[in-house]
Structure formats: C-alpha cells, structure tokens
PDB file of N, CA and C in Angstrom:
ATOM      1  N   UNK A   1       0.819  -1.191   0.000  1.00  0.00           N
ATOM      2  CA  UNK A   1       0.000   0.000   0.000  1.00  0.00           C
ATOM      3  C   UNK A   1       0.863   1.255   0.000  1.00  0.00           C
ATOM      4  N   UNK A   2       2.010   1.207   0.671  1.00  0.00           N
ATOM      5  CA  UNK A   2       2.881   2.371   0.726  1.00  0.00           C
ATOM      6  C   UNK A   2       3.448   2.731  -0.632  1.00  0.00           C
ATOM      7  N   UNK A   3       3.754   1.723  -1.451  1.00  0.00           N
ATOM      8  CA  UNK A   3       4.286   1.979  -2.785  1.00  0.00           C
ATOM      9  C   UNK A   3       3.234   2.646  -3.663  1.00  0.00           C
ATOM     10  N   UNK A   4       2.002   2.218  -3.546  1.00  0.00           N
ATOM     11  CA  UNK A   4       0.924   2.808  -4.340  1.00  0.00           C
ATOM     12  C   UNK A   4       0.725   4.271  -3.961  1.00  0.00           C
ATOM     13  N   UNK A   5       0.732   4.579  -2.678  1.00  0.00           N
ATOM     14  CA  UNK A   5       0.586   5.961  -2.214  1.00  0.00           C
ATOM     15  C   UNK A   5       1.760   6.799  -2.701  1.00  0.00           C
ATOM     16  N   UNK A   6       2.971   6.255  -2.657  1.00  0.00           N
ATOM     17  CA  UNK A   6       4.154   6.971  -3.124  1.00  0.00           C
ATOM     18  C   UNK A   6       4.051   7.288  -4.604  1.00  0.00           C
ATOM     19  N   UNK A   7       3.593   6.341  -5.404  1.00  0.00           N
ATOM     20  CA  UNK A   7       3.437   6.569  -6.837  1.00  0.00           C
ATOM     21  C   UNK A   7       2.374   7.631  -7.095  1.00  0.00           C
ATOM     22  N   UNK A   8       1.274   7.581  -6.380  1.00  0.00           N
ATOM     23  CA  UNK A   8       0.215   8.574  -6.552  1.00  0.00           C
ATOM     24  C   UNK A   8       0.715   9.961  -6.163  1.00  0.00           C
ATOM     25  N   UNK A   9       1.421  10.056  -5.053  1.00  0.00           N
ATOM     26  CA  UNK A   9       1.979  11.344  -4.630  1.00  0.00           C
ATOM     27  C   UNK A   9       2.990  11.840  -5.663  1.00  0.00           C
ATOM     28  N   UNK A  10       3.810  10.949  -6.192  1.00  0.00           N
ATOM     29  CA  UNK A  10       4.767  11.324  -7.227  1.00  0.00           C
ATOM     30  C   UNK A  10       4.093  11.849  -8.483  1.00  0.00           C
ATOM     31  N   UNK A  11       3.021  11.207  -8.902  1.00  0.00           N
ATOM     32  CA  UNK A  11       2.279  11.672 -10.079  1.00  0.00           C
ATOM     33  C   UNK A  11       1.689  13.054  -9.852  1.00  0.00           C
ATOM     34  N   UNK A  12       1.087  13.247  -8.693  1.00  0.00           N
ATOM     35  CA  UNK A  12       0.482  14.544  -8.389  1.00  0.00           C
ATOM     36  C   UNK A  12       1.558  15.623  -8.309  1.00  0.00           C
ATOM     37  N   UNK A  13       2.644  15.337  -7.617  1.00  0.00           N
ATOM     38  CA  UNK A  13       3.725  16.318  -7.471  1.00  0.00           C
ATOM     39  C   UNK A  13       4.335  16.660  -8.823  1.00  0.00           C
ATOM     40  N   UNK A  14       4.564  15.670  -9.659  1.00  0.00           N
ATOM     41  CA  UNK A  14       5.108  15.919 -10.990  1.00  0.00           C
ATOM     42  C   UNK A  14       4.175  16.731 -11.863  1.00  0.00           C
ATOM     43  N   UNK A  15       2.882  16.414 -11.799  1.00  0.00           N
ATOM     44  CA  UNK A  15       1.901  17.167 -12.582  1.00  0.00           C
ATOM     45  C   UNK A  15       1.825  18.617 -12.127  1.00  0.00           C
ATOM     46  N   UNK A  16       1.865  18.836 -10.815  1.00  0.00           N
ATOM     47  CA  UNK A  16       1.833  20.206 -10.287  1.00  0.00           C
ATOM     48  C   UNK A  16       3.094  20.958 -10.708  1.00  0.00           C
ATOM     49  N   UNK A  17       4.245  20.313 -10.621  1.00  0.00           N
ATOM     50  CA  UNK A  17       5.497  20.968 -11.014  1.00  0.00           C
ATOM     51  C   UNK A  17       5.481  21.332 -12.496  1.00  0.00           C
ATOM     52  N   UNK A  18       4.995  20.425 -13.338  1.00  0.00           N
ATOM     53  CA  UNK A  18       4.903  20.732 -14.768  1.00  0.00           C
ATOM     54  C   UNK A  18       3.965  21.901 -15.013  1.00  0.00           C
ATOM     55  N   UNK A  19       2.880  21.951 -14.267  1.00  0.00           N
ATOM     56  CA  UNK A  19       1.897  23.027 -14.435  1.00  0.00           C
ATOM     57  C   UNK A  19       2.466  24.364 -13.963  1.00  0.00           C
ATOM     58  N   UNK A  20       3.146  24.360 -12.819  1.00  0.00           N
ATOM     59  CA  UNK A  20       3.693  25.595 -12.254  1.00  0.00           C
ATOM     60  C   UNK A  20       4.766  26.177 -13.167  1.00  0.00           C
ATOM     61  N   UNK A  21       5.631  25.322 -13.709  1.00  0.00           N
ATOM     62  CA  UNK A  21       6.730  25.795 -14.536  1.00  0.00           C
ATOM     63  C   UNK A  21       6.393  25.803 -16.023  1.00  0.00           C
ATOM     64  N   UNK A  22       5.138  25.540 -16.349  1.00  0.00           N
ATOM     65  CA  UNK A  22       4.651  25.578 -17.723  1.00  0.00           C
ATOM     66  C   UNK A  22       5.520  24.738 -18.656  1.00  0.00           C
ATOM     67  N   UNK A  23       5.719  23.493 -18.279  1.00  0.00           N
ATOM     68  CA  UNK A  23       6.508  22.589 -19.105  1.00  0.00           C
ATOM     69  C   UNK A  23       5.652  21.393 -19.492  1.00  0.00           C
ATOM     70  N   UNK A  24       6.155  20.646 -20.428  1.00  0.00           N
ATOM     71  CA  UNK A  24       5.422  19.472 -20.887  1.00  0.00           C
ATOM     72  C   UNK A  24       5.921  18.231 -20.171  1.00  0.00           C
ATOM     73  N   UNK A  25       5.016  17.359 -19.927  1.00  0.00           N
ATOM     74  CA  UNK A  25       5.381  16.089 -19.321  1.00  0.00           C
ATOM     75  C   UNK A  25       4.182  15.163 -19.323  1.00  0.00           C
ATOM     76  N   UNK A  26       4.362  13.996 -19.820  1.00  0.00           N
ATOM     77  CA  UNK A  26       3.293  13.026 -19.846  1.00  0.00           C
ATOM     78  C   UNK A  26       3.222  12.268 -18.537  1.00  0.00           C
ATOM     79  N   UNK A  27       2.573  11.129 -18.587  1.00  0.00           N
ATOM     80  CA  UNK A  27       2.382  10.298 -17.406  1.00  0.00           C
ATOM     81  C   UNK A  27       3.720   9.884 -16.809  1.00  0.00           C
ATOM     82  N   UNK A  28       4.587   9.339 -17.627  1.00  0.00           N
ATOM     83  CA  UNK A  28       5.881   8.859 -17.136  1.00  0.00           C
ATOM     84  C   UNK A  28       6.775  10.021 -16.700  1.00  0.00           C
ATOM     85  N   UNK A  29       6.762  11.113 -17.455  1.00  0.00           N
ATOM     86  CA  UNK A  29       7.558  12.281 -17.089  1.00  0.00           C
ATOM     87  C   UNK A  29       7.132  12.860 -15.757  1.00  0.00           C
ATOM     88  N   UNK A  30       5.826  12.957 -15.538  1.00  0.00           N
ATOM     89  CA  UNK A  30       5.316  13.469 -14.267  1.00  0.00           C
ATOM     90  C   UNK A  30       5.689  12.540 -13.114  1.00  0.00           C
ATOM     91  N   UNK A  31       5.622  11.245 -13.367  1.00  0.00           N
ATOM     92  CA  UNK A  31       5.973  10.283 -12.331  1.00  0.00           C
ATOM     93  C   UNK A  31       7.447  10.403 -11.948  1.00  0.00           C
ATOM     94  N   UNK A  32       8.315  10.478 -12.930  1.00  0.00           N
ATOM     95  CA  UNK A  32       9.749  10.568 -12.658  1.00  0.00           C
ATOM     96  C   UNK A  32      10.077  11.875 -11.935  1.00  0.00           C
ATOM     97  N   UNK A  33       9.546  12.989 -12.436  1.00  0.00           N
ATOM     98  CA  UNK A  33       9.795  14.288 -11.799  1.00  0.00           C
ATOM     99  C   UNK A  33       9.262  14.286 -10.373  1.00  0.00           C
ATOM    100  N   UNK A  34       8.090  13.726 -10.168  1.00  0.00           N
ATOM    101  CA  UNK A  34       7.502  13.686  -8.827  1.00  0.00           C
ATOM    102  C   UNK A  34       8.285  12.816  -7.857  1.00  0.00           C
ATOM    103  N   UNK A  35       8.737  11.664  -8.315  1.00  0.00           N
ATOM    104  CA  UNK A  35       9.491  10.783  -7.426  1.00  0.00           C
ATOM    105  C   UNK A  35      10.866  11.361  -7.097  1.00  0.00           C
ATOM    106  N   UNK A  36      11.528  11.941  -8.094  1.00  0.00           N
ATOM    107  CA  UNK A  36      12.804  12.599  -7.811  1.00  0.00           C
ATOM    108  C   UNK A  36      12.569  13.806  -6.918  1.00  0.00           C
ATOM    109  N   UNK A  37      11.493  14.521  -7.171  1.00  0.00           N
ATOM    110  CA  UNK A  37      11.143  15.665  -6.329  1.00  0.00           C
ATOM    111  C   UNK A  37      10.877  15.271  -4.890  1.00  0.00           C
ATOM    112  N   UNK A  38      10.273  14.106  -4.694  1.00  0.00           N
ATOM    113  CA  UNK A  38      10.040  13.632  -3.333  1.00  0.00           C
ATOM    114  C   UNK A  38      11.360  13.348  -2.627  1.00  0.00           C
ATOM    115  N   UNK A  39      12.304  12.791  -3.360  1.00  0.00           N
ATOM    116  CA  UNK A  39      13.626  12.549  -2.771  1.00  0.00           C
ATOM    117  C   UNK A  39      14.331  13.864  -2.452  1.00  0.00           C
ATOM    118  N   UNK A  40      14.287  14.804  -3.392  1.00  0.00           N
ATOM    119  CA  UNK A  40      14.923  16.110  -3.178  1.00  0.00           C
ATOM    120  C   UNK A  40      14.261  16.831  -2.012  1.00  0.00           C
ATOM    121  N   UNK A  41      12.939  16.854  -2.004  1.00  0.00           N
ATOM    122  CA  UNK A  41      12.214  17.522  -0.921  1.00  0.00           C
ATOM    123  C   UNK A  41      12.463  16.869   0.423  1.00  0.00           C
ATOM    124  N   UNK A  42      12.544  15.556   0.453  1.00  0.00           N
ATOM    125  CA  UNK A  42      12.826  14.858   1.707  1.00  0.00           C
ATOM    126  C   UNK A  42      14.203  15.181   2.246  1.00  0.00           C
ATOM    127  N   UNK A  43      15.179  15.257   1.352  1.00  0.00           N
ATOM    128  CA  UNK A  43      16.535  15.612   1.785  1.00  0.00           C
ATOM    129  C   UNK A  43      16.592  17.059   2.268  1.00  0.00           C
ATOM    130  N   UNK A  44      15.888  17.959   1.584  1.00  0.00           N
ATOM    131  CA  UNK A  44      15.853  19.350   2.027  1.00  0.00           C
ATOM    132  C   UNK A  44      15.175  19.475   3.391  1.00  0.00           C
ATOM    133  N   UNK A  45      14.109  18.737   3.601  1.00  0.00           N
ATOM    134  CA  UNK A  45      13.426  18.761   4.897  1.00  0.00           C
ATOM    135  C   UNK A  45      14.345  18.237   5.995  1.00  0.00           C
ATOM    136  N   UNK A  46      15.111  17.213   5.676  1.00  0.00           N
ATOM    137  CA  UNK A  46      16.050  16.674   6.657  1.00  0.00           C
ATOM    138  C   UNK A  46      17.171  17.672   6.942  1.00  0.00           C
ATOM    139  N   UNK A  47      17.692  18.315   5.894  1.00  0.00           N
ATOM    140  CA  UNK A  47      18.775  19.285   6.076  1.00  0.00           C
ATOM    141  C   UNK A  47      18.332  20.497   6.900  1.00  0.00           C
ATOM    142  N   UNK A  48      17.094  20.952   6.665  1.00  0.00           N
ATOM    143  CA  UNK A  48      16.577  22.098   7.397  1.00  0.00           C
ATOM    144  C   UNK A  48      15.918  21.707   8.709  1.00  0.00           C
ATOM    145  N   UNK A  49      16.007  20.426   9.050  1.00  0.00           N
ATOM    146  CA  UNK A  49      15.482  19.897  10.306  1.00  0.00           C
ATOM    147  C   UNK A  49      13.995  20.213  10.492  1.00  0.00           C
ATOM    148  N   UNK A  50      13.228  20.038   9.417  1.00  0.00           N
ATOM    149  CA  UNK A  50      11.786  20.239   9.497  1.00  0.00           C
ATOM    150  C   UNK A  50      11.149  19.011  10.128  1.00  0.00           C
ATOM    151  N   UNK A  51      10.252  19.228  11.011  1.00  0.00           N
ATOM    152  CA  UNK A  51       9.574  18.116  11.681  1.00  0.00           C
ATOM    153  C   UNK A  51       8.331  17.756  10.889  1.00  0.00           C
ATOM    154  N   UNK A  52       8.453  16.707  10.095  1.00  0.00           N
ATOM    155  CA  UNK A  52       7.369  16.246   9.249  1.00  0.00           C
ATOM    156  C   UNK A  52       6.756  15.014   9.893  1.00  0.00           C
ATOM    157  N   UNK A  53       5.434  15.003   9.982  1.00  0.00           N
ATOM    158  CA  UNK A  53       4.759  13.899  10.654  1.00  0.00           C
ATOM    159  C   UNK A  53       4.698  12.640   9.810  1.00  0.00           C
ATOM    160  N   UNK A  54       4.848  12.777   8.494  1.00  0.00           N
ATOM    161  CA  UNK A  54       4.807  11.604   7.633  1.00  0.00           C
ATOM    162  C   UNK A  54       3.427  11.333   7.078  1.00  0.00           C
ATOM    163  N   UNK A  55       2.500  12.261   7.294  1.00  0.00           N
ATOM    164  CA  UNK A  55       1.167  12.110   6.727  1.00  0.00           C
ATOM    165  C   UNK A  55       1.175  12.341   5.231  1.00  0.00           C
ATOM    166  N   UNK A  56       0.080  11.998   4.599  1.00  0.00           N
ATOM    167  CA  UNK A  56      -0.005  12.120   3.145  1.00  0.00           C
ATOM    168  C   UNK A  56       0.119  13.572   2.707  1.00  0.00           C
ATOM    169  N   UNK A  57      -0.520  14.489   3.405  1.00  0.00           N
ATOM    170  CA  UNK A  57      -0.442  15.897   3.029  1.00  0.00           C
ATOM    171  C   UNK A  57       0.976  16.439   3.177  1.00  0.00           C
ATOM    172  N   UNK A  58       1.659  16.071   4.255  1.00  0.00           N
ATOM    173  CA  UNK A  58       3.052  16.486   4.444  1.00  0.00           C
ATOM    174  C   UNK A  58       3.931  15.961   3.319  1.00  0.00           C
ATOM    175  N   UNK A  59       3.765  14.694   3.000  1.00  0.00           N
ATOM    176  CA  UNK A  59       4.568  14.086   1.937  1.00  0.00           C
ATOM    177  C   UNK A  59       4.286  14.736   0.595  1.00  0.00           C
ATOM    178  N   UNK A  60       3.022  15.079   0.350  1.00  0.00           N
ATOM    179  CA  UNK A  60       2.652  15.711  -0.911  1.00  0.00           C
ATOM    180  C   UNK A  60       3.265  17.105  -1.035  1.00  0.00           C
ATOM    181  N   UNK A  61       3.203  17.886   0.027  1.00  0.00           N
ATOM    182  CA  UNK A  61       3.761  19.243  -0.002  1.00  0.00           C
ATOM    183  C   UNK A  61       5.269  19.191  -0.227  1.00  0.00           C
ATOM    184  N   UNK A  62       5.947  18.320   0.483  1.00  0.00           N
ATOM    185  CA  UNK A  62       7.403  18.197   0.328  1.00  0.00           C
ATOM    186  C   UNK A  62       7.746  17.703  -1.076  1.00  0.00           C
ATOM    187  N   UNK A  63       6.981  16.756  -1.603  1.00  0.00           N
ATOM    188  CA  UNK A  63       7.242  16.246  -2.948  1.00  0.00           C
ATOM    189  C   UNK A  63       7.000  17.324  -4.003  1.00  0.00           C
ATOM    190  N   UNK A  64       5.975  18.124  -3.841  1.00  0.00           N
ATOM    191  CA  UNK A  64       5.690  19.194  -4.800  1.00  0.00           C
ATOM    192  C   UNK A  64       6.812  20.228  -4.789  1.00  0.00           C
ATOM    193  N   UNK A  65       7.238  20.645  -3.619  1.00  0.00           N
ATOM    194  CA  UNK A  65       8.325  21.626  -3.523  1.00  0.00           C
ATOM    195  C   UNK A  65       9.612  21.053  -4.133  1.00  0.00           C
ATOM    196  N   UNK A  66       9.925  19.829  -3.807  1.00  0.00           N
ATOM    197  CA  UNK A  66      11.111  19.195  -4.374  1.00  0.00           C
ATOM    198  C   UNK A  66      11.014  19.027  -5.884  1.00  0.00           C
ATOM    199  N   UNK A  67       9.828  18.671  -6.385  1.00  0.00           N
ATOM    200  CA  UNK A  67       9.645  18.489  -7.825  1.00  0.00           C
ATOM    201  C   UNK A  67       9.782  19.812  -8.564  1.00  0.00           C
ATOM    202  N   UNK A  68       9.253  20.879  -7.988  1.00  0.00           N
ATOM    203  CA  UNK A  68       9.386  22.194  -8.615  1.00  0.00           C
ATOM    204  C   UNK A  68      10.854  22.604  -8.662  1.00  0.00           C
ATOM    205  N   UNK A  69      11.564  22.417  -7.565  1.00  0.00           N
ATOM    206  CA  UNK A  69      12.988  22.754  -7.544  1.00  0.00           C
ATOM    207  C   UNK A  69      13.778  21.916  -8.549  1.00  0.00           C
ATOM    208  N   UNK A  70      13.511  20.620  -8.562  1.00  0.00           N
ATOM    209  CA  UNK A  70      14.208  19.733  -9.487  1.00  0.00           C
ATOM    210  C   UNK A  70      13.941  20.123 -10.932  1.00  0.00           C
ATOM    211  N   UNK A  71      12.684  20.351 -11.284  1.00  0.00           N
ATOM    212  CA  UNK A  71      12.337  20.682 -12.658  1.00  0.00           C
ATOM    213  C   UNK A  71      12.898  22.043 -13.058  1.00  0.00           C
ATOM    214  N   UNK A  72      12.923  22.987 -12.136  1.00  0.00           N
ATOM    215  CA  UNK A  72      13.502  24.297 -12.404  1.00  0.00           C
ATOM    216  C   UNK A  72      14.994  24.182 -12.726  1.00  0.00           C
ATOM    217  N   UNK A  73      15.725  23.439 -11.909  1.00  0.00           N
ATOM    218  CA  UNK A  73      17.155  23.252 -12.143  1.00  0.00           C
ATOM    219  C   UNK A  73      17.379  22.488 -13.439  1.00  0.00           C
ATOM    220  N   UNK A  74      16.582  21.468 -13.695  1.00  0.00           N
ATOM    221  CA  UNK A  74      16.708  20.674 -14.910  1.00  0.00           C
ATOM    222  C   UNK A  74      16.516  21.559 -16.150  1.00  0.00           C
ATOM    223  N   UNK A  75      15.497  22.427 -16.115  1.00  0.00           N
ATOM    224  CA  UNK A  75      15.244  23.302 -17.257  1.00  0.00           C
ATOM    225  C   UNK A  75      16.378  24.303 -17.450  1.00  0.00           C
ATOM    226  N   UNK A  76      16.959  24.794 -16.369  1.00  0.00           N
ATOM    227  CA  UNK A  76      18.058  25.745 -16.474  1.00  0.00           C
ATOM    228  C   UNK A  76      19.331  25.075 -17.010  1.00  0.00           C
ATOM    229  N   UNK A  77      19.573  23.858 -16.620  1.00  0.00           N
ATOM    230  CA  UNK A  77      20.776  23.155 -17.060  1.00  0.00           C
ATOM    231  C   UNK A  77      20.698  22.725 -18.524  1.00  0.00           C
ATOM    232  N   UNK A  78      19.546  22.306 -18.978  1.00  0.00           N
ATOM    233  CA  UNK A  78      19.416  21.720 -20.310  1.00  0.00           C
ATOM    234  C   UNK A  78      18.593  22.564 -21.256  1.00  0.00           C
ATOM    235  N   UNK A  79      18.626  23.868 -21.108  1.00  0.00           N
ATOM    236  CA  UNK A  79      17.887  24.745 -22.000  1.00  0.00           C
ATOM    237  C   UNK A  79      18.774  25.383 -23.007  1.00  0.00           C
TER     238      UNK A  79
END
C-alpha cells in the first residue's frame, strides 16, 4: 500500500510541477519528476530539520516543492 501511495503522490507532485513551470510532461515524465522531487524535498526537509509527521499531506507538499525545484534546475541546465 505504501508503494501505491508513493506513486500517486509522485504523479500529483510531478503534474503540479509541470503546471507551475509551464513545461510538458506526460504520465511517465510526471511520475519521474515527482518521485525525484520527493527525494529532493525529503533531503531538504532533513537538512533544514523540518519536523514532518509523515502524513499524506506532508509528503505531498514536500514532494511538490522538491519536484518544482528539481524541474527548475533541470530546465536551467538543459535549456
């Protein structure tokens, strides 16, 4: 069940990041961006010592922020 929730959160985070940065990304692109964003956001939360409860909303917010940061850097590097 945890893997399914992670994939769903990754899809949502990737779709939001694509929408915010006005970029294109299909199903697989959104999934990859969202999952990498979740990793980036989780590491940033750990570095800044944020106390995250681990709920779905917390995970979604961190994944969205991480996905936006990841996609922004990716677009700047490969543009």
